[in-house]
PDB file of N, CA and C in Angstrom:
ATOM      1  N   MET A   1     104.571 114.721  62.700  1.00  0.00           N
ATOM      2  CA  MET A   1     104.431 115.172  64.205  1.00  0.00           C
ATOM      3  C   MET A   1     105.746 114.990  64.882  1.00  0.00           C
ATOM      4  N   VAL A   2     106.198 116.131  65.608  1.00  0.00           N
ATOM      5  CA  VAL A   2     107.420 116.020  66.381  1.00  0.00           C
ATOM      6  C   VAL A   2     107.082 115.614  67.768  1.00  0.00           C
ATOM      7  N   ALA A   3     107.998 114.847  68.614  1.00  0.00           N
ATOM      8  CA  ALA A   3     107.568 114.650  69.868  1.00  0.00           C
ATOM      9  C   ALA A   3     108.895 115.057  70.577  1.00  0.00           C
ATOM     10  N   PHE A   4     109.131 114.869  71.849  1.00  0.00           N
ATOM     11  CA  PHE A   4     110.332 115.070  72.519  1.00  0.00           C
ATOM     12  C   PHE A   4     110.481 113.896  73.400  1.00  0.00           C
ATOM     13  N   ALA A   5     111.714 113.786  73.923  1.00  0.00           N
ATOM     14  CA  ALA A   5     112.088 112.744  75.160  1.00  0.00           C
ATOM     15  C   ALA A   5     113.350 113.106  75.729  1.00  0.00           C
ATOM     16  N   THR A   6     113.138 112.410  77.081  1.00  0.00           N
ATOM     17  CA  THR A   6     114.416 112.742  77.722  1.00  0.00           C
ATOM     18  C   THR A   6     114.858 111.267  78.492  1.00  0.00           C
ATOM     19  N   GLU A   7     115.826 110.880  78.098  1.00  0.00           N
ATOM     20  CA  GLU A   7     116.639 109.494  78.530  1.00  0.00           C
ATOM     21  C   GLU A   7     117.746 109.821  79.359  1.00  0.00           C
ATOM     22  N   TYR A   8     117.930 109.061  80.418  1.00  0.00           N
ATOM     23  CA  TYR A   8     118.971 108.951  81.146  1.00  0.00           C
ATOM     24  C   TYR A   8     119.770 107.534  81.248  1.00  0.00           C
ATOM     25  N   PHE A   9     120.992 107.721  81.254  1.00  0.00           N
ATOM     26  CA  PHE A   9     121.959 106.803  81.426  1.00  0.00           C
ATOM     27  C   PHE A   9     122.866 106.868  82.327  1.00  0.00           C
ATOM     28  N   GLU A  10     123.411 105.647  83.003  1.00  0.00           N
ATOM     29  CA  GLU A  10     124.616 105.835  83.885  1.00  0.00           C
ATOM     30  C   GLU A  10     125.748 105.125  83.375  1.00  0.00           C
ATOM     31  N   TYR A  11     126.828 105.852  83.397  1.00  0.00           N
ATOM     32  CA  TYR A  11     128.423 105.718  82.851  1.00  0.00           C
ATOM     33  C   TYR A  11     128.928 104.750  83.700  1.00  0.00           C
ATOM     34  N   ASN A  12     128.944 103.382  83.170  1.00  0.00           N
ATOM     35  CA  ASN A  12     129.638 102.329  84.019  1.00  0.00           C
ATOM     36  C   ASN A  12     131.233 102.133  83.722  1.00  0.00           C
ATOM     37  N   GLY A  13     131.876 102.967  82.962  1.00  0.00           N
ATOM     38  CA  GLY A  13     133.065 102.796  82.435  1.00  0.00           C
ATOM     39  C   GLY A  13     133.399 101.900  81.555  1.00  0.00           C
ATOM     40  N   SER A  14     132.298 101.264  80.734  1.00  0.00           N
ATOM     41  CA  SER A  14     132.838 100.410  79.542  1.00  0.00           C
ATOM     42  C   SER A  14     132.508 100.809  78.170  1.00  0.00           C
ATOM     43  N   THR A  15     131.572 102.072  78.209  1.00  0.00           N
ATOM     44  CA  THR A  15     131.403 102.506  76.901  1.00  0.00           C
ATOM     45  C   THR A  15     130.865 104.223  76.755  1.00  0.00           C
ATOM     46  N   LEU A  16     131.298 104.590  76.047  1.00  0.00           N
ATOM     47  CA  LEU A  16     130.901 106.073  75.810  1.00  0.00           C
ATOM     48  C   LEU A  16     129.836 106.209  74.813  1.00  0.00           C
ATOM     49  N   ILE A  17     129.401 105.178  74.164  1.00  0.00           N
ATOM     50  CA  ILE A  17     128.144 105.373  73.231  1.00  0.00           C
ATOM     51  C   ILE A  17     126.849 104.830  73.905  1.00  0.00           C
ATOM     52  N   PHE A  18     125.824 105.943  73.798  1.00  0.00           N
ATOM     53  CA  PHE A  18     124.506 105.506  74.380  1.00  0.00           C
ATOM     54  C   PHE A  18     123.408 105.710  73.223  1.00  0.00           C
ATOM     55  N   GLN A  19     122.861 104.522  73.205  1.00  0.00           N
ATOM     56  CA  GLN A  19     121.706 104.343  72.063  1.00  0.00           C
ATOM     57  C   GLN A  19     120.274 104.810  72.621  1.00  0.00           C
ATOM     58  N   LEU A  20     119.920 105.647  72.005  1.00  0.00           N
ATOM     59  CA  LEU A  20     118.605 106.320  72.298  1.00  0.00           C
ATOM     60  C   LEU A  20     117.358 105.205  71.817  1.00  0.00           C
ATOM     61  N   ASN A  21     116.093 105.581  72.306  1.00  0.00           N
ATOM     62  CA  ASN A  21     114.993 104.530  71.926  1.00  0.00           C
ATOM     63  C   ASN A  21     114.482 105.153  70.567  1.00  0.00           C
ATOM     64  N   ASN A  22     114.629 106.190  70.255  1.00  0.00           N
ATOM     65  CA  ASN A  22     113.979 106.752  69.004  1.00  0.00           C
ATOM     66  C   ASN A  22     114.960 107.477  68.091  1.00  0.00           C
ATOM     67  N   ALA A  23     114.702 107.440  66.865  1.00  0.00           N
ATOM     68  CA  ALA A  23     115.697 108.267  65.874  1.00  0.00           C
ATOM     69  C   ALA A  23     115.697 109.652  66.122  1.00  0.00           C
ATOM     70  N   ILE A  24     116.731 110.421  65.968  1.00  0.00           N
ATOM     71  CA  ILE A  24     117.011 111.595  66.661  1.00  0.00           C
ATOM     72  C   ILE A  24     116.813 112.479  65.489  1.00  0.00           C
ATOM     73  N   ASN A  25     115.703 113.506  65.456  1.00  0.00           N
ATOM     74  CA  ASN A  25     115.243 114.616  64.590  1.00  0.00           C
ATOM     75  C   ASN A  25     116.353 115.729  65.038  1.00  0.00           C
ATOM     76  N   SER A  26     116.415 116.289  66.210  1.00  0.00           N
ATOM     77  CA  SER A  26     117.249 117.263  66.715  1.00  0.00           C
ATOM     78  C   SER A  26     117.673 116.951  68.084  1.00  0.00           C
ATOM     79  N   ILE A  27     118.807 117.222  68.751  1.00  0.00           N
ATOM     80  CA  ILE A  27     119.120 117.434  69.953  1.00  0.00           C
ATOM     81  C   ILE A  27     118.948 118.692  70.723  1.00  0.00           C
ATOM     82  N   VAL A  28     118.089 118.518  72.000  1.00  0.00           N
ATOM     83  CA  VAL A  28     117.768 119.828  72.702  1.00  0.00           C
ATOM     84  C   VAL A  28     119.014 120.081  73.801  1.00  0.00           C
ATOM     85  N   SER A  29     119.496 118.934  74.394  1.00  0.00           N
ATOM     86  CA  SER A  29     120.548 119.200  75.460  1.00  0.00           C
ATOM     87  C   SER A  29     121.022 117.542  75.633  1.00  0.00           C
ATOM     88  N   VAL A  30     122.134 117.681  76.058  1.00  0.00           N
ATOM     89  CA  VAL A  30     122.990 116.565  76.666  1.00  0.00           C
ATOM     90  C   VAL A  30     123.739 117.316  77.936  1.00  0.00           C
ATOM     91  N   ASP A  31     123.576 116.379  79.074  1.00  0.00           N
ATOM     92  CA  ASP A  31     124.210 116.679  80.263  1.00  0.00           C
ATOM     93  C   ASP A  31     124.868 115.769  81.055  1.00  0.00           C
ATOM     94  N   VAL A  32     125.881 116.134  81.478  1.00  0.00           N
ATOM     95  CA  VAL A  32     126.458 114.906  82.389  1.00  0.00           C
ATOM     96  C   VAL A  32     126.613 115.413  84.019  1.00  0.00           C
ATOM     97  N   ASN A  33     126.031 114.748  84.612  1.00  0.00           N
ATOM     98  CA  ASN A  33     125.608 115.185  86.034  1.00  0.00           C
ATOM     99  C   ASN A  33     125.186 116.765  86.389  1.00  0.00           C
ATOM    100  N   GLY A  34     124.111 116.964  85.510  1.00  0.00           N
ATOM    101  CA  GLY A  34     123.539 118.382  85.363  1.00  0.00           C
ATOM    102  C   GLY A  34     124.354 119.282  84.429  1.00  0.00           C
ATOM    103  N   LEU A  35     125.676 118.930  84.298  1.00  0.00           N
ATOM    104  CA  LEU A  35     126.347 120.034  83.419  1.00  0.00           C
ATOM    105  C   LEU A  35     126.132 119.863  81.952  1.00  0.00           C
ATOM    106  N   GLN A  36     125.678 120.852  81.228  1.00  0.00           N
ATOM    107  CA  GLN A  36     125.509 120.911  80.040  1.00  0.00           C
ATOM    108  C   GLN A  36     126.439 120.753  79.061  1.00  0.00           C
ATOM    109  N   GLU A  37     126.620 119.813  77.921  1.00  0.00           N
ATOM    110  CA  GLU A  37     127.665 119.550  77.064  1.00  0.00           C
ATOM    111  C   GLU A  37     127.343 120.111  75.817  1.00  0.00           C
ATOM    112  N   GLU A  38     128.485 120.706  75.063  1.00  0.00           N
ATOM    113  CA  GLU A  38     128.154 121.287  73.813  1.00  0.00           C
ATOM    114  C   GLU A  38     128.485 120.094  72.748  1.00  0.00           C
ATOM    115  N   GLU A  39     127.592 120.203  71.716  1.00  0.00           N
ATOM    116  CA  GLU A  39     127.839 119.506  70.513  1.00  0.00           C
ATOM    117  C   GLU A  39     129.108 119.722  69.987  1.00  0.00           C
ATOM    118  N   GLY A  40     129.837 118.493  69.382  1.00  0.00           N
ATOM    119  CA  GLY A  40     131.365 118.726  68.810  1.00  0.00           C
ATOM    120  C   GLY A  40     132.413 118.812  69.862  1.00  0.00           C
ATOM    121  N   SER A  41     132.281 119.382  70.957  1.00  0.00           N
ATOM    122  CA  SER A  41     133.231 119.182  71.930  1.00  0.00           C
ATOM    123  C   SER A  41     132.985 118.309  73.306  1.00  0.00           C
ATOM    124  N   GLY A  42     131.807 118.207  73.558  1.00  0.00           N
ATOM    125  CA  GLY A  42     131.342 117.328  74.646  1.00  0.00           C
ATOM    126  C   GLY A  42     130.492 116.075  74.141  1.00  0.00           C
ATOM    127  N   PHE A  43     130.042 116.163  72.997  1.00  0.00           N
ATOM    128  CA  PHE A  43     129.369 114.954  72.520  1.00  0.00           C
ATOM    129  C   PHE A  43     129.215 115.132  71.146  1.00  0.00           C
ATOM    130  N   ASP A  44     128.989 113.981  70.326  1.00  0.00           N
ATOM    131  CA  ASP A  44     128.622 113.958  69.045  1.00  0.00           C
ATOM    132  C   ASP A  44     127.459 112.987  68.672  1.00  0.00           C
ATOM    133  N   VAL A  45     126.896 113.218  67.785  1.00  0.00           N
ATOM    134  CA  VAL A  45     125.471 112.097  67.256  1.00  0.00           C
ATOM    135  C   VAL A  45     126.039 111.219  66.184  1.00  0.00           C
ATOM    136  N   SER A  46     126.143 110.130  66.557  1.00  0.00           N
ATOM    137  CA  SER A  46     126.489 108.923  65.592  1.00  0.00           C
ATOM    138  C   SER A  46     125.324 108.080  64.905  1.00  0.00           C
ATOM    139  N   GLY A  47     125.148 108.289  63.634  1.00  0.00           N
ATOM    140  CA  GLY A  47     123.967 107.413  63.147  1.00  0.00           C
ATOM    141  C   GLY A  47     122.742 107.993  63.440  1.00  0.00           C
ATOM    142  N   SER A  48     121.881 107.274  63.563  1.00  0.00           N
ATOM    143  CA  SER A  48     120.512 107.792  63.899  1.00  0.00           C
ATOM    144  C   SER A  48     119.793 107.944  65.326  1.00  0.00           C
ATOM    145  N   GLN A  49     120.575 107.141  66.045  1.00  0.00           N
ATOM    146  CA  GLN A  49     120.161 106.834  67.502  1.00  0.00           C
ATOM    147  C   GLN A  49     121.234 107.138  68.392  1.00  0.00           C
ATOM    148  N   ASP A  50     122.699 107.285  68.258  1.00  0.00           N
ATOM    149  CA  ASP A  50     123.561 107.123  69.101  1.00  0.00           C
ATOM    150  C   ASP A  50     124.127 108.600  69.343  1.00  0.00           C
ATOM    151  N   ILE A  51     124.499 108.537  70.778  1.00  0.00           N
ATOM    152  CA  ILE A  51     125.158 109.758  71.341  1.00  0.00           C
ATOM    153  C   ILE A  51     126.546 109.330  71.612  1.00  0.00           C
ATOM    154  N   VAL A  52     127.777 109.898  71.425  1.00  0.00           N
ATOM    155  CA  VAL A  52     128.859 109.430  71.815  1.00  0.00           C
ATOM    156  C   VAL A  52     129.788 110.622  72.434  1.00  0.00           C
ATOM    157  N   LEU A  53     129.961 110.490  73.869  1.00  0.00           N
ATOM    158  CA  LEU A  53     130.643 111.342  74.528  1.00  0.00           C
ATOM    159  C   LEU A  53     132.105 111.203  74.201  1.00  0.00           C
ATOM    160  N   LEU A  54     132.564 112.541  74.321  1.00  0.00           N
ATOM    161  CA  LEU A  54     133.921 112.957  73.695  1.00  0.00           C
ATOM    162  C   LEU A  54     134.996 112.827  75.094  1.00  0.00           C
ATOM    163  N   GLY A  55     134.384 113.040  75.933  1.00  0.00           N
ATOM    164  CA  GLY A  55     135.344 112.696  77.309  1.00  0.00           C
ATOM    165  C   GLY A  55     134.877 111.819  77.873  1.00  0.00           C
ATOM    166  N   THR A  56     135.427 111.213  79.021  1.00  0.00           N
ATOM    167  CA  THR A  56     135.066 110.426  79.569  1.00  0.00           C
ATOM    168  C   THR A  56     134.734 110.681  81.147  1.00  0.00           C
ATOM    169  N   PRO A  57     133.441 110.388  81.607  1.00  0.00           N
ATOM    170  CA  PRO A  57     133.023 110.997  82.753  1.00  0.00           C
ATOM    171  C   PRO A  57     133.580 109.984  83.927  1.00  0.00           C
ATOM    172  N   VAL A  58     133.264 110.359  85.233  1.00  0.00           N
ATOM    173  CA  VAL A  58     133.485 109.523  86.393  1.00  0.00           C
ATOM    174  C   VAL A  58     132.481 108.376  86.258  1.00  0.00           C
ATOM    175  N   VAL A  59     132.754 107.060  86.714  1.00  0.00           N
ATOM    176  CA  VAL A  59     132.136 106.031  86.713  1.00  0.00           C
ATOM    177  C   VAL A  59     130.671 106.508  87.662  1.00  0.00           C
ATOM    178  N   GLY A  60     129.506 105.970  87.186  1.00  0.00           N
ATOM    179  CA  GLY A  60     128.457 106.454  87.945  1.00  0.00           C
ATOM    180  C   GLY A  60     127.923 107.716  87.689  1.00  0.00           C
ATOM    181  N   SER A  61     128.446 108.358  86.640  1.00  0.00           N
ATOM    182  CA  SER A  61     127.935 109.911  86.391  1.00  0.00           C
ATOM    183  C   SER A  61     126.457 109.568  85.680  1.00  0.00           C
ATOM    184  N   ARG A  62     125.461 110.445  85.558  1.00  0.00           N
ATOM    185  CA  ARG A  62     124.185 110.413  85.219  1.00  0.00           C
ATOM    186  C   ARG A  62     124.296 111.235  83.778  1.00  0.00           C
ATOM    187  N   ILE A  63     123.957 110.527  82.790  1.00  0.00           N
ATOM    188  CA  ILE A  63     123.817 111.063  81.375  1.00  0.00           C
ATOM    189  C   ILE A  63     122.395 111.488  80.793  1.00  0.00           C
ATOM    190  N   GLY A  64     122.110 112.608  80.773  1.00  0.00           N
ATOM    191  CA  GLY A  64     120.614 113.061  80.238  1.00  0.00           C
ATOM    192  C   GLY A  64     120.726 113.707  79.086  1.00  0.00           C
ATOM    193  N   VAL A  65     119.886 113.031  78.296  1.00  0.00           N
ATOM    194  CA  VAL A  65     119.677 113.337  76.920  1.00  0.00           C
ATOM    195  C   VAL A  65     118.138 113.839  76.490  1.00  0.00           C
ATOM    196  N   THR A  66     117.921 115.070  75.830  1.00  0.00           N
ATOM    197  CA  THR A  66     116.632 115.498  75.645  1.00  0.00           C
ATOM    198  C   THR A  66     116.827 115.789  74.148  1.00  0.00           C
ATOM    199  N   TYR A  67     115.922 115.210  73.620  1.00  0.00           N
ATOM    200  CA  TYR A  67     115.715 115.380  72.069  1.00  0.00           C
ATOM    201  C   TYR A  67     114.403 115.210  71.391  1.00  0.00           C
ATOM    202  N   LEU A  68     114.279 115.793  70.208  1.00  0.00           N
ATOM    203  CA  LEU A  68     113.289 115.845  69.219  1.00  0.00           C
ATOM    204  C   LEU A  68     113.218 114.528  68.374  1.00  0.00           C
ATOM    205  N   TYR A  69     112.072 113.857  68.373  1.00  0.00           N
ATOM    206  CA  TYR A  69     112.270 112.953  67.167  1.00  0.00           C
ATOM    207  C   TYR A  69     110.910 112.514  66.288  1.00  0.00           C
TER     208      TYR A  69
END
């Protein structure tokens, strides 16, 4: 069975790596303050549960990740 989840993080200025609660089957979307990021230029998937932002957002930015698991 495949399910989806959306998780939100706040960028605090210390790390660009965000660990999700579930192993990633497929990314649906990643956004920073509502602006969609493209895989390979805005973010990468690292391992089975980590999203790595490739650019540095403003401190306090809201990062949303929607994915299948």
